[in-house]
Amino acid sequence: MKNNNWINGIIGLAVADALGSPGQFKRREELRENPITEMVYCDIYNKPAGAWTDDTSMTLCMLDSIRTLGRVDAEDIMDAFEDWMFENCYTPTGEAFDKGNTCVYAIEKYHMNHDVDTCGKTG
């Protein structure tokens, strides 16, 4: 029997990410009073119920690269991140959203010079 731990893990990540996105930036007390127990519309990003965020999208970028090449290749992963950020690939709604500042900085810098060794921050 084939082991599906990787697939199950990625599905679990996407489901947890989609469940959690509507709760981002809410106070713990607010979530205690109104817990998120099912897929709901995400008003923060104006996304439908079940839409995962950048966390899952970027994970899919990495896994697709590793699956395709059979190894970890930083440049190929950064190329996939570019596809996500600029071409809206790997997204549930056709739009990259919830992009973190540090990731945006690194991907934009990589986009300009295609140097994986200097695109990230060092601080």
N, C-alpha and C. Protein backbone atom coordinates (compact mmCIF):
# COMPACT_ATOMS: atom_id res chain seq x y z
N MET A 1 0.84 -1.18 0.00
CA MET A 1 0.00 0.00 0.00
C MET A 1 0.89 1.25 0.00
N LYS A 2 0.55 2.19 -0.83
CA LYS A 2 1.34 3.42 -0.97
C LYS A 2 1.14 4.32 0.26
N ASN A 3 2.23 4.90 0.73
CA ASN A 3 2.20 5.81 1.87
C ASN A 3 1.83 7.20 1.38
N ASN A 4 0.75 7.76 1.89
CA ASN A 4 0.26 9.07 1.46
C ASN A 4 0.51 10.15 2.50
N ASN A 5 1.49 9.97 3.37
CA ASN A 5 1.74 10.96 4.43
C ASN A 5 1.99 12.35 3.88
N TRP A 6 2.75 12.46 2.78
CA TRP A 6 3.05 13.77 2.19
C TRP A 6 1.77 14.43 1.69
N ILE A 7 0.97 13.67 0.97
CA ILE A 7 -0.28 14.22 0.43
C ILE A 7 -1.20 14.63 1.57
N ASN A 8 -1.33 13.75 2.56
CA ASN A 8 -2.19 14.08 3.71
C ASN A 8 -1.69 15.32 4.44
N GLY A 9 -0.39 15.45 4.56
CA GLY A 9 0.18 16.62 5.22
C GLY A 9 -0.12 17.91 4.47
N ILE A 10 -0.01 17.88 3.16
CA ILE A 10 -0.28 19.08 2.37
C ILE A 10 -1.77 19.43 2.41
N ILE A 11 -2.62 18.42 2.34
CA ILE A 11 -4.06 18.68 2.44
C ILE A 11 -4.37 19.27 3.82
N GLY A 12 -3.75 18.72 4.85
CA GLY A 12 -3.95 19.26 6.21
C GLY A 12 -3.49 20.71 6.30
N LEU A 13 -2.36 21.03 5.70
CA LEU A 13 -1.85 22.40 5.69
C LEU A 13 -2.85 23.34 5.01
N ALA A 14 -3.33 22.96 3.82
CA ALA A 14 -4.26 23.81 3.07
C ALA A 14 -5.56 24.01 3.83
N VAL A 15 -6.07 22.95 4.44
CA VAL A 15 -7.32 23.06 5.20
C VAL A 15 -7.13 23.95 6.42
N ALA A 16 -6.07 23.74 7.17
CA ALA A 16 -5.81 24.56 8.36
C ALA A 16 -5.58 26.02 7.97
N ASP A 17 -4.87 26.25 6.88
CA ASP A 17 -4.61 27.60 6.41
C ASP A 17 -5.91 28.30 6.02
N ALA A 18 -6.77 27.59 5.31
CA ALA A 18 -8.06 28.16 4.88
C ALA A 18 -8.98 28.41 6.08
N LEU A 19 -8.94 27.52 7.07
CA LEU A 19 -9.74 27.74 8.28
C LEU A 19 -9.22 28.93 9.08
N GLY A 20 -7.91 29.09 9.09
CA GLY A 20 -7.31 30.14 9.91
C GLY A 20 -7.30 31.53 9.30
N SER A 21 -7.35 31.62 7.99
CA SER A 21 -7.22 32.95 7.37
C SER A 21 -8.29 33.94 7.82
N PRO A 22 -9.55 33.55 8.01
CA PRO A 22 -10.53 34.54 8.47
C PRO A 22 -10.28 35.02 9.90
N GLY A 23 -9.47 34.28 10.65
CA GLY A 23 -9.19 34.66 12.03
C GLY A 23 -7.95 35.52 12.21
N GLN A 24 -7.24 35.76 11.11
CA GLN A 24 -6.02 36.57 11.22
C GLN A 24 -6.33 37.96 11.77
N PHE A 25 -5.47 38.41 12.61
CA PHE A 25 -5.50 39.76 13.18
C PHE A 25 -6.67 39.98 14.14
N LYS A 26 -7.39 38.93 14.50
CA LYS A 26 -8.47 39.06 15.47
C LYS A 26 -7.93 38.75 16.86
N ARG A 27 -8.49 39.40 17.82
CA ARG A 27 -8.08 39.18 19.21
C ARG A 27 -8.53 37.80 19.68
N ARG A 28 -7.76 37.24 20.56
CA ARG A 28 -8.06 35.91 21.10
C ARG A 28 -9.45 35.89 21.74
N GLU A 29 -9.80 36.97 22.44
CA GLU A 29 -11.11 37.04 23.08
C GLU A 29 -12.23 36.99 22.04
N GLU A 30 -12.04 37.71 20.94
CA GLU A 30 -13.03 37.72 19.87
C GLU A 30 -13.22 36.32 19.29
N LEU A 31 -12.13 35.59 19.12
CA LEU A 31 -12.21 34.25 18.57
C LEU A 31 -12.82 33.26 19.57
N ARG A 32 -12.59 33.50 20.86
CA ARG A 32 -13.23 32.66 21.87
C ARG A 32 -14.74 32.83 21.83
N GLU A 33 -15.17 34.08 21.66
CA GLU A 33 -16.61 34.37 21.60
C GLU A 33 -17.23 33.89 20.29
N ASN A 34 -16.48 33.96 19.21
CA ASN A 34 -16.97 33.56 17.88
C ASN A 34 -15.94 32.66 17.21
N PRO A 35 -15.81 31.42 17.69
CA PRO A 35 -14.79 30.54 17.10
C PRO A 35 -15.11 30.18 15.65
N ILE A 36 -14.06 29.98 14.89
CA ILE A 36 -14.21 29.56 13.50
C ILE A 36 -14.17 28.03 13.50
N THR A 37 -15.29 27.42 13.18
CA THR A 37 -15.40 25.97 13.23
C THR A 37 -15.71 25.35 11.87
N GLU A 38 -15.80 26.19 10.84
CA GLU A 38 -16.04 25.71 9.49
C GLU A 38 -15.47 26.72 8.51
N MET A 39 -15.40 26.33 7.26
CA MET A 39 -14.89 27.24 6.24
C MET A 39 -15.85 28.42 6.11
N VAL A 40 -15.30 29.63 6.24
CA VAL A 40 -16.12 30.84 6.13
C VAL A 40 -15.41 31.87 5.25
N TYR A 41 -16.19 32.80 4.75
CA TYR A 41 -15.69 33.92 3.96
C TYR A 41 -14.61 34.66 4.76
N CYS A 42 -13.56 35.07 4.09
CA CYS A 42 -12.47 35.81 4.73
C CYS A 42 -12.60 37.28 4.37
N ASP A 43 -13.16 38.05 5.30
CA ASP A 43 -13.40 39.47 5.03
C ASP A 43 -12.12 40.29 4.97
N ILE A 44 -11.08 39.83 5.61
CA ILE A 44 -9.81 40.57 5.59
C ILE A 44 -9.29 40.71 4.16
N TYR A 45 -9.39 39.64 3.40
CA TYR A 45 -8.86 39.62 2.04
C TYR A 45 -9.94 39.52 0.97
N ASN A 46 -11.19 39.54 1.39
CA ASN A 46 -12.31 39.42 0.46
C ASN A 46 -12.19 38.13 -0.36
N LYS A 47 -12.03 37.02 0.35
CA LYS A 47 -11.85 35.71 -0.29
C LYS A 47 -12.95 34.75 0.15
N PRO A 48 -13.33 33.84 -0.74
CA PRO A 48 -14.39 32.89 -0.42
C PRO A 48 -13.96 31.88 0.64
N ALA A 49 -14.94 31.25 1.23
CA ALA A 49 -14.66 30.18 2.19
C ALA A 49 -13.78 29.13 1.53
N GLY A 50 -12.78 28.68 2.26
CA GLY A 50 -11.90 27.63 1.75
C GLY A 50 -10.66 28.11 1.03
N ALA A 51 -10.48 29.42 0.91
CA ALA A 51 -9.31 29.95 0.20
C ALA A 51 -8.09 29.93 1.13
N TRP A 52 -7.06 29.21 0.72
CA TRP A 52 -5.82 29.22 1.50
C TRP A 52 -5.03 30.48 1.21
N THR A 53 -3.97 30.72 1.99
CA THR A 53 -3.19 31.95 1.87
C THR A 53 -1.82 31.67 1.24
N ASP A 54 -0.96 32.66 1.37
CA ASP A 54 0.40 32.56 0.86
C ASP A 54 1.17 31.39 1.46
N ASP A 55 0.85 31.02 2.68
CA ASP A 55 1.58 29.92 3.32
C ASP A 55 1.45 28.63 2.51
N THR A 56 0.23 28.30 2.13
CA THR A 56 0.02 27.09 1.33
C THR A 56 0.52 27.29 -0.09
N SER A 57 0.27 28.46 -0.67
CA SER A 57 0.73 28.71 -2.03
C SER A 57 2.24 28.55 -2.16
N MET A 58 2.98 29.11 -1.21
CA MET A 58 4.44 29.03 -1.29
C MET A 58 4.93 27.61 -1.01
N THR A 59 4.22 26.88 -0.16
CA THR A 59 4.55 25.47 0.05
C THR A 59 4.35 24.68 -1.23
N LEU A 60 3.25 24.95 -1.94
CA LEU A 60 3.01 24.29 -3.22
C LEU A 60 4.10 24.61 -4.23
N CYS A 61 4.57 25.86 -4.23
CA CYS A 61 5.69 26.24 -5.11
C CYS A 61 6.91 25.36 -4.84
N MET A 62 7.26 25.25 -3.56
CA MET A 62 8.45 24.47 -3.20
C MET A 62 8.28 23.00 -3.56
N LEU A 63 7.13 22.45 -3.23
CA LEU A 63 6.91 21.03 -3.50
C LEU A 63 6.85 20.72 -4.98
N ASP A 64 6.28 21.61 -5.76
CA ASP A 64 6.23 21.41 -7.20
C ASP A 64 7.63 21.40 -7.79
N SER A 65 8.46 22.31 -7.32
CA SER A 65 9.85 22.35 -7.79
C SER A 65 10.59 21.07 -7.41
N ILE A 66 10.47 20.66 -6.17
CA ILE A 66 11.17 19.46 -5.70
C ILE A 66 10.66 18.22 -6.45
N ARG A 67 9.35 18.15 -6.66
CA ARG A 67 8.76 17.01 -7.39
C ARG A 67 9.27 16.98 -8.83
N THR A 68 9.31 18.13 -9.46
CA THR A 68 9.72 18.22 -10.87
C THR A 68 11.20 17.88 -11.04
N LEU A 69 12.05 18.46 -10.19
CA LEU A 69 13.50 18.28 -10.34
C LEU A 69 14.05 17.07 -9.58
N GLY A 70 13.31 16.61 -8.58
CA GLY A 70 13.80 15.50 -7.77
C GLY A 70 14.85 15.91 -6.76
N ARG A 71 14.96 17.21 -6.55
CA ARG A 71 15.95 17.74 -5.59
C ARG A 71 15.55 19.17 -5.23
N VAL A 72 16.20 19.70 -4.21
CA VAL A 72 15.97 21.10 -3.82
C VAL A 72 16.88 21.98 -4.66
N ASP A 73 16.28 22.94 -5.34
CA ASP A 73 17.02 23.89 -6.17
C ASP A 73 16.49 25.29 -5.85
N ALA A 74 17.29 26.08 -5.16
CA ALA A 74 16.83 27.39 -4.68
C ALA A 74 16.38 28.31 -5.82
N GLU A 75 17.08 28.29 -6.94
CA GLU A 75 16.68 29.14 -8.06
C GLU A 75 15.33 28.72 -8.63
N ASP A 76 15.12 27.43 -8.78
CA ASP A 76 13.85 26.95 -9.32
C ASP A 76 12.70 27.28 -8.35
N ILE A 77 12.95 27.16 -7.07
CA ILE A 77 11.93 27.51 -6.08
C ILE A 77 11.63 29.01 -6.15
N MET A 78 12.66 29.83 -6.25
CA MET A 78 12.43 31.27 -6.37
C MET A 78 11.69 31.60 -7.67
N ASP A 79 11.98 30.88 -8.74
CA ASP A 79 11.23 31.07 -9.99
C ASP A 79 9.75 30.76 -9.77
N ALA A 80 9.47 29.71 -9.01
CA ALA A 80 8.07 29.37 -8.71
C ALA A 80 7.44 30.44 -7.83
N PHE A 81 8.22 30.99 -6.89
CA PHE A 81 7.70 32.10 -6.06
C PHE A 81 7.36 33.30 -6.95
N GLU A 82 8.20 33.57 -7.95
CA GLU A 82 7.88 34.64 -8.90
C GLU A 82 6.57 34.34 -9.63
N ASP A 83 6.39 33.10 -10.05
CA ASP A 83 5.14 32.72 -10.72
C ASP A 83 3.95 32.96 -9.81
N TRP A 84 4.10 32.63 -8.53
CA TRP A 84 3.03 32.85 -7.57
C TRP A 84 2.74 34.35 -7.41
N MET A 85 3.78 35.13 -7.17
CA MET A 85 3.59 36.54 -6.84
C MET A 85 3.20 37.39 -8.05
N PHE A 86 3.78 37.13 -9.21
CA PHE A 86 3.54 37.97 -10.38
C PHE A 86 2.54 37.40 -11.38
N GLU A 87 2.38 36.07 -11.38
CA GLU A 87 1.48 35.43 -12.35
C GLU A 87 0.27 34.78 -11.68
N ASN A 88 0.20 34.87 -10.33
CA ASN A 88 -0.92 34.33 -9.55
C ASN A 88 -1.08 32.82 -9.67
N CYS A 89 0.02 32.12 -9.89
CA CYS A 89 0.00 30.66 -9.91
C CYS A 89 -0.07 30.12 -8.49
N TYR A 90 -0.48 28.90 -8.34
CA TYR A 90 -0.54 28.20 -7.05
C TYR A 90 -1.53 28.83 -6.07
N THR A 91 -2.47 29.59 -6.57
CA THR A 91 -3.44 30.27 -5.70
C THR A 91 -4.81 29.61 -5.82
N PRO A 92 -5.64 29.73 -4.78
CA PRO A 92 -6.98 29.14 -4.85
C PRO A 92 -7.97 30.02 -5.60
N THR A 93 -7.65 31.29 -5.80
CA THR A 93 -8.63 32.23 -6.37
C THR A 93 -8.11 32.98 -7.59
N GLY A 94 -6.89 32.65 -8.03
CA GLY A 94 -6.31 33.36 -9.16
C GLY A 94 -5.69 34.69 -8.79
N GLU A 95 -5.46 34.88 -7.50
CA GLU A 95 -4.83 36.12 -7.02
C GLU A 95 -3.96 35.80 -5.81
N ALA A 96 -2.69 36.18 -5.89
CA ALA A 96 -1.79 36.02 -4.75
C ALA A 96 -2.16 37.07 -3.70
N PHE A 97 -2.34 36.63 -2.47
CA PHE A 97 -2.71 37.56 -1.41
C PHE A 97 -2.07 37.14 -0.09
N ASP A 98 -2.16 37.99 0.89
CA ASP A 98 -1.57 37.79 2.22
C ASP A 98 -0.06 37.63 2.10
N LYS A 99 0.54 38.42 1.23
CA LYS A 99 1.98 38.34 1.00
C LYS A 99 2.72 39.06 2.12
N GLY A 100 3.60 38.33 2.78
CA GLY A 100 4.38 38.92 3.86
C GLY A 100 5.46 39.84 3.33
N ASN A 101 5.75 40.89 4.09
CA ASN A 101 6.71 41.90 3.65
C ASN A 101 8.10 41.33 3.35
N THR A 102 8.57 40.43 4.19
CA THR A 102 9.91 39.88 3.99
C THR A 102 9.96 39.02 2.73
N CYS A 103 8.91 38.24 2.50
CA CYS A 103 8.85 37.43 1.27
C CYS A 103 8.76 38.31 0.04
N VAL A 104 7.92 39.34 0.09
CA VAL A 104 7.79 40.25 -1.05
C VAL A 104 9.14 40.89 -1.36
N TYR A 105 9.83 41.34 -0.34
CA TYR A 105 11.15 41.96 -0.53
C TYR A 105 12.09 41.00 -1.26
N ALA A 106 12.18 39.77 -0.76
CA ALA A 106 13.12 38.81 -1.33
C ALA A 106 12.74 38.42 -2.76
N ILE A 107 11.46 38.22 -3.00
CA ILE A 107 11.03 37.82 -4.35
C ILE A 107 11.22 38.97 -5.33
N GLU A 108 10.91 40.18 -4.92
CA GLU A 108 11.12 41.33 -5.81
C GLU A 108 12.60 41.53 -6.10
N LYS A 109 13.44 41.38 -5.08
CA LYS A 109 14.88 41.54 -5.29
C LYS A 109 15.41 40.43 -6.20
N TYR A 110 14.93 39.21 -5.99
CA TYR A 110 15.32 38.11 -6.87
C TYR A 110 14.85 38.38 -8.30
N HIS A 111 13.66 38.91 -8.43
CA HIS A 111 13.09 39.23 -9.75
C HIS A 111 13.97 40.22 -10.51
N MET A 112 14.61 41.12 -9.78
CA MET A 112 15.46 42.13 -10.43
C MET A 112 16.83 41.58 -10.84
N ASN A 113 17.41 40.70 -9.98
CA ASN A 113 18.79 40.28 -10.28
C ASN A 113 19.00 38.77 -10.38
N HIS A 114 17.98 37.98 -10.10
CA HIS A 114 18.04 36.51 -10.15
C HIS A 114 19.25 35.94 -9.44
N ASP A 115 19.54 36.50 -8.26
CA ASP A 115 20.64 36.00 -7.43
C ASP A 115 20.07 35.53 -6.10
N VAL A 116 20.00 34.21 -5.93
CA VAL A 116 19.43 33.66 -4.70
C VAL A 116 20.29 33.94 -3.48
N ASP A 117 21.55 34.21 -3.71
CA ASP A 117 22.47 34.43 -2.58
C ASP A 117 22.34 35.84 -1.97
N THR A 118 21.74 36.77 -2.70
CA THR A 118 21.66 38.15 -2.18
C THR A 118 20.24 38.70 -2.10
N CYS A 119 19.25 37.87 -2.39
CA CYS A 119 17.89 38.42 -2.44
C CYS A 119 17.24 38.55 -1.06
N GLY A 120 17.70 37.81 -0.09
CA GLY A 120 17.07 37.87 1.24
C GLY A 120 17.70 38.92 2.13
N LYS A 121 16.98 39.25 3.17
CA LYS A 121 17.51 40.18 4.17
C LYS A 121 18.46 39.43 5.10
N THR A 122 19.33 40.17 5.74
CA THR A 122 20.29 39.52 6.63
C THR A 122 20.08 39.90 8.09
N GLY A 123 19.19 40.83 8.37
CA GLY A 123 18.97 41.28 9.74
C GLY A 123 18.00 40.42 10.51
